[in-house]
Amino acid sequence: MSVLASPIVLALDKKPLTINNATGHHTLSLEVAISKEEQATGLMFRRSLGSDEGMIFIYPEDQEITMWMKNTYVPLDMIFLRRNGTVLRIERNTEPLSERVIASGGQARAVIELRAGSANRLGIEVGDKIDFPGLQ
């Protein structure tokens, strides 16, 4: 009988992120994925995610960012951000475990992943401003 290794779940440092939009100012606590290893693992293998928790992926340069849901059990909202923190695109309610590529649809600097339904709950729309260190 073989023994399978448990998948690695990264627990990264959390930082506050503020969303300023028509519904007000919302502060979330997000894990920050900066290294290639952190970004490759992301929220994979997690079985739950709090309503004001998530992860932000920050890239060193503007680029077309692509994501997927491989090994990700929790449905997510993906919010693609321009370098100045403006919301470029939102992919709502992604399908768990899917290998479908989800693209930013333009030059982006970061992606926020939140539990599915969070973008609607917080009233996040394209053009909203996100305040976070590293995005200006």
C-alpha atoms as a PDB file:
ATOM      1  CA  MET A   1       0.000   0.000   0.000  1.00  0.00           C
ATOM      2  CA  SER A   2       1.409   3.399  -0.954  1.00  0.00           C
ATOM      3  CA  VAL A   3       1.152   6.527   1.123  1.00  0.00           C
ATOM      4  CA  LEU A   4       0.358   9.777  -0.662  1.00  0.00           C
ATOM      5  CA  ALA A   5       2.002  12.955   0.534  1.00  0.00           C
ATOM      6  CA  SER A   6      -0.286  15.714   1.721  1.00  0.00           C
ATOM      7  CA  PRO A   7      -0.432  18.709  -0.605  1.00  0.00           C
ATOM      8  CA  ILE A   8       1.387  21.785   0.645  1.00  0.00           C
ATOM      9  CA  VAL A   9      -0.838  24.677   1.678  1.00  0.00           C
ATOM     10  CA  LEU A  10       1.110  27.914   1.967  1.00  0.00           C
ATOM     11  CA  ALA A  11       0.165  30.372   4.706  1.00  0.00           C
ATOM     12  CA  LEU A  12       1.538  33.729   3.639  1.00  0.00           C
ATOM     13  CA  ASP A  13       1.806  37.034   5.456  1.00  0.00           C
ATOM     14  CA  LYS A  14      -1.449  38.998   5.462  1.00  0.00           C
ATOM     15  CA  LYS A  15      -1.826  42.685   4.716  1.00  0.00           C
ATOM     16  CA  PRO A  16      -4.879  44.946   4.712  1.00  0.00           C
ATOM     17  CA  LEU A  17      -6.366  45.984   1.372  1.00  0.00           C
ATOM     18  CA  THR A  18      -8.966  48.735   0.955  1.00  0.00           C
ATOM     19  CA  ILE A  19     -11.583  48.881  -1.778  1.00  0.00           C
ATOM     20  CA  ASN A  20     -13.087  52.306  -2.452  1.00  0.00           C
ATOM     21  CA  ASN A  21     -16.277  52.226  -4.468  1.00  0.00           C
ATOM     22  CA  ALA A  22     -19.878  53.429  -4.642  1.00  0.00           C
ATOM     23  CA  THR A  23     -20.849  51.225  -1.675  1.00  0.00           C
ATOM     24  CA  GLY A  24     -18.132  52.643   0.598  1.00  0.00           C
ATOM     25  CA  HIS A  25     -14.717  51.659   1.876  1.00  0.00           C
ATOM     26  CA  HIS A  26     -14.157  47.939   2.492  1.00  0.00           C
ATOM     27  CA  THR A  27     -11.057  46.563   4.198  1.00  0.00           C
ATOM     28  CA  LEU A  28      -9.981  42.963   3.654  1.00  0.00           C
ATOM     29  CA  SER A  29      -7.075  40.892   4.975  1.00  0.00           C
ATOM     30  CA  LEU A  30      -5.217  39.308   2.072  1.00  0.00           C
ATOM     31  CA  GLU A  31      -2.276  36.960   1.863  1.00  0.00           C
ATOM     32  CA  VAL A  32       0.379  38.340  -0.490  1.00  0.00           C
ATOM     33  CA  ALA A  33       1.821  36.048  -3.198  1.00  0.00           C
ATOM     34  CA  ILE A  34       4.911  37.576  -4.758  1.00  0.00           C
ATOM     35  CA  SER A  35       7.395  34.775  -5.489  1.00  0.00           C
ATOM     36  CA  LYS A  36       6.877  32.385  -8.400  1.00  0.00           C
ATOM     37  CA  GLU A  37       6.361  29.490  -5.942  1.00  0.00           C
ATOM     38  CA  GLU A  38       3.748  31.430  -3.964  1.00  0.00           C
ATOM     39  CA  GLN A  39       1.945  32.437  -7.150  1.00  0.00           C
ATOM     40  CA  ALA A  40       2.054  28.912  -8.590  1.00  0.00           C
ATOM     41  CA  THR A  41       0.474  27.478  -5.423  1.00  0.00           C
ATOM     42  CA  GLY A  42      -1.923  30.321  -4.604  1.00  0.00           C
ATOM     43  CA  LEU A  43      -5.077  29.088  -2.877  1.00  0.00           C
ATOM     44  CA  MET A  44      -4.714  25.504  -4.126  1.00  0.00           C
ATOM     45  CA  PHE A  45      -5.811  22.685  -1.818  1.00  0.00           C
ATOM     46  CA  ARG A  46      -7.684  24.968   0.590  1.00  0.00           C
ATOM     47  CA  ARG A  47     -11.084  23.713   1.644  1.00  0.00           C
ATOM     48  CA  SER A  48     -12.453  27.024   2.966  1.00  0.00           C
ATOM     49  CA  LEU A  49     -11.900  30.760   2.769  1.00  0.00           C
ATOM     50  CA  GLY A  50     -13.348  33.417   5.084  1.00  0.00           C
ATOM     51  CA  SER A  51     -15.639  36.141   3.764  1.00  0.00           C
ATOM     52  CA  ASP A  52     -13.023  38.886   4.194  1.00  0.00           C
ATOM     53  CA  GLU A  53      -9.991  36.748   3.338  1.00  0.00           C
ATOM     54  CA  GLY A  54      -8.219  36.038   0.094  1.00  0.00           C
ATOM     55  CA  MET A  55      -4.963  36.404  -1.747  1.00  0.00           C
ATOM     56  CA  ILE A  56      -3.365  39.055  -3.924  1.00  0.00           C
ATOM     57  CA  PHE A  57      -0.844  38.116  -6.599  1.00  0.00           C
ATOM     58  CA  ILE A  58       1.490  41.002  -7.458  1.00  0.00           C
ATOM     59  CA  TYR A  59       3.637  40.805 -10.589  1.00  0.00           C
ATOM     60  CA  PRO A  60       6.830  42.822 -11.226  1.00  0.00           C
ATOM     61  CA  GLU A  61       5.637  44.172 -14.593  1.00  0.00           C
ATOM     62  CA  ASP A  62       2.386  44.906 -16.400  1.00  0.00           C
ATOM     63  CA  GLN A  63       1.350  41.857 -18.408  1.00  0.00           C
ATOM     64  CA  GLU A  64      -1.527  39.743 -19.653  1.00  0.00           C
ATOM     65  CA  ILE A  65      -2.112  37.618 -16.549  1.00  0.00           C
ATOM     66  CA  THR A  66      -3.607  34.139 -16.815  1.00  0.00           C
ATOM     67  CA  MET A  67      -4.969  32.059 -13.953  1.00  0.00           C
ATOM     68  CA  TRP A  68      -6.741  28.730 -13.526  1.00  0.00           C
ATOM     69  CA  MET A  69      -8.515  26.765 -10.806  1.00  0.00           C
ATOM     70  CA  LYS A  70      -6.506  23.526 -10.936  1.00  0.00           C
ATOM     71  CA  ASN A  71      -6.414  21.946  -7.439  1.00  0.00           C
ATOM     72  CA  THR A  72      -8.516  24.822  -6.079  1.00  0.00           C
ATOM     73  CA  TYR A  73     -11.576  23.555  -4.209  1.00  0.00           C
ATOM     74  CA  VAL A  74     -13.191  26.876  -3.270  1.00  0.00           C
ATOM     75  CA  PRO A  75     -15.034  28.833  -5.995  1.00  0.00           C
ATOM     76  CA  LEU A  76     -13.455  32.269  -6.343  1.00  0.00           C
ATOM     77  CA  ASP A  77     -13.946  35.753  -7.736  1.00  0.00           C
ATOM     78  CA  MET A  78     -10.810  36.932  -9.549  1.00  0.00           C
ATOM     79  CA  ILE A  79     -10.286  40.679  -9.716  1.00  0.00           C
ATOM     80  CA  PHE A  80      -7.609  41.819 -12.170  1.00  0.00           C
ATOM     81  CA  LEU A  81      -5.956  45.159 -11.367  1.00  0.00           C
ATOM     82  CA  ARG A  82      -4.042  47.718 -13.371  1.00  0.00           C
ATOM     83  CA  ARG A  83      -0.730  49.043 -12.004  1.00  0.00           C
ATOM     84  CA  ASN A  84      -2.542  52.014 -10.387  1.00  0.00           C
ATOM     85  CA  GLY A  85      -4.956  49.732  -8.499  1.00  0.00           C
ATOM     86  CA  THR A  86      -7.936  50.266 -10.811  1.00  0.00           C
ATOM     87  CA  VAL A  87     -10.100  47.200 -11.449  1.00  0.00           C
ATOM     88  CA  LEU A  88      -9.538  46.059 -15.045  1.00  0.00           C
ATOM     89  CA  ARG A  89     -11.725  42.925 -15.110  1.00  0.00           C
ATOM     90  CA  ILE A  90     -13.673  40.639 -12.793  1.00  0.00           C
ATOM     91  CA  GLU A  91     -14.190  36.906 -13.317  1.00  0.00           C
ATOM     92  CA  ARG A  92     -16.995  35.927 -10.968  1.00  0.00           C
ATOM     93  CA  ASN A  93     -17.697  32.493  -9.475  1.00  0.00           C
ATOM     94  CA  THR A  94     -14.896  30.473 -11.046  1.00  0.00           C
ATOM     95  CA  GLU A  95     -15.348  26.732 -11.326  1.00  0.00           C
ATOM     96  CA  PRO A  96     -13.401  24.683  -8.746  1.00  0.00           C
ATOM     97  CA  LEU A  97     -10.776  22.278 -10.144  1.00  0.00           C
ATOM     98  CA  SER A  98     -11.155  23.651 -13.684  1.00  0.00           C
ATOM     99  CA  GLU A  99      -8.144  23.962 -15.984  1.00  0.00           C
ATOM    100  CA  ARG A 100      -9.870  26.606 -18.106  1.00  0.00           C
ATOM    101  CA  VAL A 101      -7.580  29.608 -18.556  1.00  0.00           C
ATOM    102  CA  ILE A 102      -8.902  32.864 -17.097  1.00  0.00           C
ATOM    103  CA  ALA A 103      -7.172  35.899 -18.618  1.00  0.00           C
ATOM    104  CA  SER A 104      -6.934  39.495 -17.450  1.00  0.00           C
ATOM    105  CA  GLY A 105      -8.080  40.808 -20.827  1.00  0.00           C
ATOM    106  CA  GLY A 106      -5.396  43.469 -20.898  1.00  0.00           C
ATOM    107  CA  GLN A 107      -2.240  44.662 -19.196  1.00  0.00           C
ATOM    108  CA  ALA A 108      -2.535  44.013 -15.455  1.00  0.00           C
ATOM    109  CA  ARG A 109      -0.192  44.189 -12.470  1.00  0.00           C
ATOM    110  CA  ALA A 110      -2.105  42.137  -9.875  1.00  0.00           C
ATOM    111  CA  VAL A 111      -4.959  39.722  -9.236  1.00  0.00           C
ATOM    112  CA  ILE A 112      -7.093  39.455  -6.121  1.00  0.00           C
ATOM    113  CA  GLU A 113      -8.774  36.137  -5.341  1.00  0.00           C
ATOM    114  CA  LEU A 114     -11.751  36.224  -2.979  1.00  0.00           C
ATOM    115  CA  ARG A 115     -14.438  33.716  -2.084  1.00  0.00           C
ATOM    116  CA  ALA A 116     -17.058  33.567  -4.867  1.00  0.00           C
ATOM    117  CA  GLY A 117     -19.797  36.143  -4.389  1.00  0.00           C
ATOM    118  CA  SER A 118     -17.484  38.648  -2.680  1.00  0.00           C
ATOM    119  CA  ALA A 119     -17.295  40.985  -5.685  1.00  0.00           C
ATOM    120  CA  ASN A 120     -21.099  41.256  -5.728  1.00  0.00           C
ATOM    121  CA  ARG A 121     -21.370  41.497  -1.922  1.00  0.00           C
ATOM    122  CA  LEU A 122     -18.828  44.330  -1.828  1.00  0.00           C
ATOM    123  CA  GLY A 123     -20.197  46.026  -4.955  1.00  0.00           C
ATOM    124  CA  ILE A 124     -16.857  45.767  -6.787  1.00  0.00           C
ATOM    125  CA  GLU A 125     -17.053  46.892 -10.406  1.00  0.00           C
ATOM    126  CA  VAL A 126     -14.638  47.578 -13.252  1.00  0.00           C
ATOM    127  CA  GLY A 127     -13.079  51.006 -12.671  1.00  0.00           C
ATOM    128  CA  ASP A 128     -13.178  50.829  -8.848  1.00  0.00           C
ATOM    129  CA  LYS A 129      -9.994  51.779  -6.996  1.00  0.00           C
ATOM    130  CA  ILE A 130      -8.050  49.357  -4.791  1.00  0.00           C
ATOM    131  CA  ASP A 131      -5.571  50.750  -2.278  1.00  0.00           C
ATOM    132  CA  PHE A 132      -2.696  48.402  -1.552  1.00  0.00           C
ATOM    133  CA  PRO A 133       1.060  48.889  -1.056  1.00  0.00           C
ATOM    134  CA  GLY A 134       2.828  48.259  -4.350  1.00  0.00           C
ATOM    135  CA  LEU A 135      -0.080  49.495  -6.483  1.00  0.00           C
ATOM    136  CA  GLN A 136      -0.166  53.215  -7.244  1.00  0.00           C
END
